[in-house]
PDB file of N, CA and C in Angstrom:
ATOM      1  N   UNK A   1      87.849  78.833  91.286  1.00  0.00           N
ATOM      2  CA  UNK A   1      88.846  79.342  92.222  1.00  0.00           C
ATOM      3  C   UNK A   1      88.783  80.869  92.252  1.00  0.00           C
ATOM      4  N   UNK A   2      88.913  81.433  93.434  1.00  0.00           N
ATOM      5  CA  UNK A   2      88.820  82.886  93.567  1.00  0.00           C
ATOM      6  C   UNK A   2      90.056  83.571  93.013  1.00  0.00           C
ATOM      7  N   UNK A   3      89.843  84.720  92.428  1.00  0.00           N
ATOM      8  CA  UNK A   3      90.954  85.519  91.908  1.00  0.00           C
ATOM      9  C   UNK A   3      91.373  86.499  92.993  1.00  0.00           C
ATOM     10  N   UNK A   4      92.545  86.282  93.564  1.00  0.00           N
ATOM     11  CA  UNK A   4      93.013  87.110  94.674  1.00  0.00           C
ATOM     12  C   UNK A   4      93.845  88.297  94.229  1.00  0.00           C
ATOM     13  N   UNK A   5      93.936  88.518  92.923  1.00  0.00           N
ATOM     14  CA  UNK A   5      94.742  89.634  92.441  1.00  0.00           C
ATOM     15  C   UNK A   5      94.023  90.954  92.667  1.00  0.00           C
ATOM     16  N   UNK A   6      94.773  91.956  93.074  1.00  0.00           N
ATOM     17  CA  UNK A   6      94.229  93.300  93.256  1.00  0.00           C
ATOM     18  C   UNK A   6      94.754  94.166  92.121  1.00  0.00           C
ATOM     19  N   UNK A   7      93.862  94.901  91.481  1.00  0.00           N
ATOM     20  CA  UNK A   7      94.282  95.821  90.420  1.00  0.00           C
ATOM     21  C   UNK A   7      94.856  97.072  91.075  1.00  0.00           C
ATOM     22  N   UNK A   8      96.184  97.194  91.018  1.00  0.00           N
ATOM     23  CA  UNK A   8      96.855  98.309  91.684  1.00  0.00           C
ATOM     24  C   UNK A   8      97.017  99.528  90.779  1.00  0.00           C
ATOM     25  N   UNK A   9      96.525  99.450  89.553  1.00  0.00           N
ATOM     26  CA  UNK A   9      96.730 100.562  88.616  1.00  0.00           C
ATOM     27  C   UNK A   9      96.038 101.836  89.078  1.00  0.00           C
ATOM     28  N   UNK A  10      94.941 101.696  89.819  1.00  0.00           N
ATOM     29  CA  UNK A  10      94.203 102.880  90.267  1.00  0.00           C
ATOM     30  C   UNK A  10      94.463 103.204  91.739  1.00  0.00           C
ATOM     31  N   UNK A  11      95.368 102.475  92.359  1.00  0.00           N
ATOM     32  CA  UNK A  11      95.639 102.669  93.783  1.00  0.00           C
ATOM     33  C   UNK A  11      96.828 103.611  93.947  1.00  0.00           C
ATOM     34  N   UNK A  12      96.659 104.574  94.828  1.00  0.00           N
ATOM     35  CA  UNK A  12      97.744 105.520  95.099  1.00  0.00           C
ATOM     36  C   UNK A  12      98.882 104.816  95.836  1.00  0.00           C
ATOM     37  N   UNK A  13     100.097 105.312  95.615  1.00  0.00           N
ATOM     38  CA  UNK A  13     101.276 104.713  96.244  1.00  0.00           C
ATOM     39  C   UNK A  13     101.142 104.686  97.764  1.00  0.00           C
ATOM     40  N   UNK A  14     100.637 105.771  98.339  1.00  0.00           N
ATOM     41  CA  UNK A  14     100.496 105.843  99.799  1.00  0.00           C
ATOM     42  C   UNK A  14      99.548 104.766 100.318  1.00  0.00           C
ATOM     43  N   UNK A  15      98.504 104.478  99.548  1.00  0.00           N
ATOM     44  CA  UNK A  15      97.578 103.413  99.936  1.00  0.00           C
ATOM     45  C   UNK A  15      98.279 102.058  99.924  1.00  0.00           C
ATOM     46  N   UNK A  16      99.132 101.843  98.926  1.00  0.00           N
ATOM     47  CA  UNK A  16      99.886 100.585  98.840  1.00  0.00           C
ATOM     48  C   UNK A  16     100.812 100.460 100.045  1.00  0.00           C
ATOM     49  N   UNK A  17     101.466 101.566 100.402  1.00  0.00           N
ATOM     50  CA  UNK A  17     102.345 101.564 101.576  1.00  0.00           C
ATOM     51  C   UNK A  17     101.535 101.235 102.824  1.00  0.00           C
ATOM     52  N   UNK A  18     100.367 101.841 102.971  1.00  0.00           N
ATOM     53  CA  UNK A  18      99.521 101.578 104.142  1.00  0.00           C
ATOM     54  C   UNK A  18      99.049 100.130 104.183  1.00  0.00           C
ATOM     55  N   UNK A  19      98.645  99.593 103.027  1.00  0.00           N
ATOM     56  CA  UNK A  19      98.207  98.191 102.975  1.00  0.00           C
ATOM     57  C   UNK A  19      99.362  97.255 103.333  1.00  0.00           C
ATOM     58  N   UNK A  20     100.550  97.591 102.836  1.00  0.00           N
ATOM     59  CA  UNK A  20     101.733  96.775 103.128  1.00  0.00           C
ATOM     60  C   UNK A  20     102.059  96.822 104.610  1.00  0.00           C
ATOM     61  N   UNK A  21     101.948  98.007 105.203  1.00  0.00           N
ATOM     62  CA  UNK A  21     102.211  98.164 106.636  1.00  0.00           C
ATOM     63  C   UNK A  21     101.236  97.334 107.464  1.00  0.00           C
ATOM     64  N   UNK A  22      99.966  97.379 107.098  1.00  0.00           N
ATOM     65  CA  UNK A  22      98.951  96.584 107.803  1.00  0.00           C
ATOM     66  C   UNK A  22      99.238  95.096 107.639  1.00  0.00           C
ATOM     67  N   UNK A  23      99.571  94.690 106.416  1.00  0.00           N
ATOM     68  CA  UNK A  23      99.884  93.293 106.120  1.00  0.00           C
ATOM     69  C   UNK A  23     101.055  92.805 106.976  1.00  0.00           C
ATOM     70  N   UNK A  24     102.136  93.607 107.025  1.00  0.00           N
ATOM     71  CA  UNK A  24     103.318  93.212 107.795  1.00  0.00           C
ATOM     72  C   UNK A  24     103.036  93.231 109.294  1.00  0.00           C
ATOM     73  N   UNK A  25     102.220  94.180 109.741  1.00  0.00           N
ATOM     74  CA  UNK A  25     101.835  94.231 111.156  1.00  0.00           C
ATOM     75  C   UNK A  25     101.058  92.977 111.531  1.00  0.00           C
ATOM     76  N   UNK A  26     100.159  92.541 110.655  1.00  0.00           N
ATOM     77  CA  UNK A  26      99.393  91.311 110.910  1.00  0.00           C
ATOM     78  C   UNK A  26     100.313  90.101 110.988  1.00  0.00           C
ATOM     79  N   UNK A  27     101.288  90.035 110.096  1.00  0.00           N
ATOM     80  CA  UNK A  27     102.247  88.927 110.129  1.00  0.00           C
ATOM     81  C   UNK A  27     103.027  88.948 111.439  1.00  0.00           C
ATOM     82  N   UNK A  28     103.475  90.137 111.842  1.00  0.00           N
ATOM     83  CA  UNK A  28     104.241  90.265 113.083  1.00  0.00           C
ATOM     84  C   UNK A  28     103.407  89.807 114.282  1.00  0.00           C
ATOM     85  N   UNK A  29     102.129  90.199 114.312  1.00  0.00           N
ATOM     86  CA  UNK A  29     101.245  89.778 115.399  1.00  0.00           C
ATOM     87  C   UNK A  29     101.040  88.269 115.381  1.00  0.00           C
ATOM     88  N   UNK A  30     100.898  87.681 114.193  1.00  0.00           N
ATOM     89  CA  UNK A  30     100.741  86.226 114.085  1.00  0.00           C
ATOM     90  C   UNK A  30     101.981  85.502 114.590  1.00  0.00           C
ATOM     91  N   UNK A  31     103.158  86.019 114.248  1.00  0.00           N
ATOM     92  CA  UNK A  31     104.409  85.410 114.706  1.00  0.00           C
ATOM     93  C   UNK A  31     104.512  85.519 116.226  1.00  0.00           C
ATOM     94  N   UNK A  32     104.176  86.689 116.768  1.00  0.00           N
ATOM     95  CA  UNK A  32     104.221  86.873 118.221  1.00  0.00           C
ATOM     96  C   UNK A  32     103.250  85.937 118.925  1.00  0.00           C
ATOM     97  N   UNK A  33     102.046  85.787 118.370  1.00  0.00           N
ATOM     98  CA  UNK A  33     101.061  84.881 118.960  1.00  0.00           C
ATOM     99  C   UNK A  33     101.544  83.436 118.897  1.00  0.00           C
ATOM    100  N   UNK A  34     102.103  83.040 117.768  1.00  0.00           N
ATOM    101  CA  UNK A  34     102.609  81.673 117.620  1.00  0.00           C
ATOM    102  C   UNK A  34     103.747  81.422 118.600  1.00  0.00           C
ATOM    103  N   UNK A  35     104.597  82.424 118.786  1.00  0.00           N
ATOM    104  CA  UNK A  35     105.711  82.301 119.721  1.00  0.00           C
ATOM    105  C   UNK A  35     105.195  82.134 121.150  1.00  0.00           C
ATOM    106  N   UNK A  36     104.176  82.925 121.501  1.00  0.00           N
ATOM    107  CA  UNK A  36     103.588  82.839 122.845  1.00  0.00           C
ATOM    108  C   UNK A  36     102.950  81.471 123.061  1.00  0.00           C
ATOM    109  N   UNK A  37     102.236  80.987 122.046  1.00  0.00           N
ATOM    110  CA  UNK A  37     101.598  79.668 122.136  1.00  0.00           C
ATOM    111  C   UNK A  37     102.668  78.595 122.326  1.00  0.00           C
ATOM    112  N   UNK A  38     103.758  78.710 121.565  1.00  0.00           N
ATOM    113  CA  UNK A  38     104.838  77.734 121.671  1.00  0.00           C
ATOM    114  C   UNK A  38     105.486  77.779 123.052  1.00  0.00           C
ATOM    115  N   UNK A  39     105.702  78.992 123.579  1.00  0.00           N
ATOM    116  CA  UNK A  39     106.289  79.127 124.921  1.00  0.00           C
ATOM    117  C   UNK A  39     105.385  78.493 125.969  1.00  0.00           C
ATOM    118  N   UNK A  40     104.067  78.717 125.840  1.00  0.00           N
ATOM    119  CA  UNK A  40     103.117  78.129 126.786  1.00  0.00           C
ATOM    120  C   UNK A  40     103.125  76.611 126.684  1.00  0.00           C
ATOM    121  N   UNK A  41     103.228  76.099 125.460  1.00  0.00           N
ATOM    122  CA  UNK A  41     103.255  74.651 125.246  1.00  0.00           C
ATOM    123  C   UNK A  41     104.502  74.051 125.893  1.00  0.00           C
ATOM    124  N   UNK A  42     105.651  74.693 125.672  1.00  0.00           N
ATOM    125  CA  UNK A  42     106.904  74.207 126.258  1.00  0.00           C
ATOM    126  C   UNK A  42     106.831  74.269 127.776  1.00  0.00           C
ATOM    127  N   UNK A  43     106.285  75.365 128.304  1.00  0.00           N
ATOM    128  CA  UNK A  43     106.171  75.523 129.755  1.00  0.00           C
ATOM    129  C   UNK A  43     105.267  74.446 130.346  1.00  0.00           C
ATOM    130  N   UNK A  44     104.159  74.132 129.672  1.00  0.00           N
ATOM    131  CA  UNK A  44     103.247  73.115 130.196  1.00  0.00           C
ATOM    132  C   UNK A  44     103.856  71.720 130.082  1.00  0.00           C
ATOM    133  N   UNK A  45     104.670  71.488 129.049  1.00  0.00           N
ATOM    134  CA  UNK A  45     105.333  70.190 128.913  1.00  0.00           C
ATOM    135  C   UNK A  45     106.407  70.018 129.984  1.00  0.00           C
ATOM    136  N   UNK A  46     107.039  71.122 130.380  1.00  0.00           N
ATOM    137  CA  UNK A  46     108.065  71.055 131.423  1.00  0.00           C
ATOM    138  C   UNK A  46     107.471  70.658 132.766  1.00  0.00           C
ATOM    139  N   UNK A  47     106.188  70.978 132.986  1.00  0.00           N
ATOM    140  CA  UNK A  47     105.539  70.670 134.262  1.00  0.00           C
ATOM    141  C   UNK A  47     105.202  69.193 134.380  1.00  0.00           C
ATOM    142  N   UNK A  48     105.115  68.522 133.245  1.00  0.00           N
ATOM    143  CA  UNK A  48     104.712  67.097 133.252  1.00  0.00           C
ATOM    144  C   UNK A  48     105.864  66.235 133.747  1.00  0.00           C
TER     145      UNK A  48
END
């Protein structure tokens, strides 16, 4: 099994903040995409 732990002892705080920002931005984009997909699914089901 892969070890997904990152050794943060040598990482600067600003880098951690930047990584966290990117991580949260990716989550936000995934949620927005899922919401759009769901809206399209509901819209297509309404047409049936």
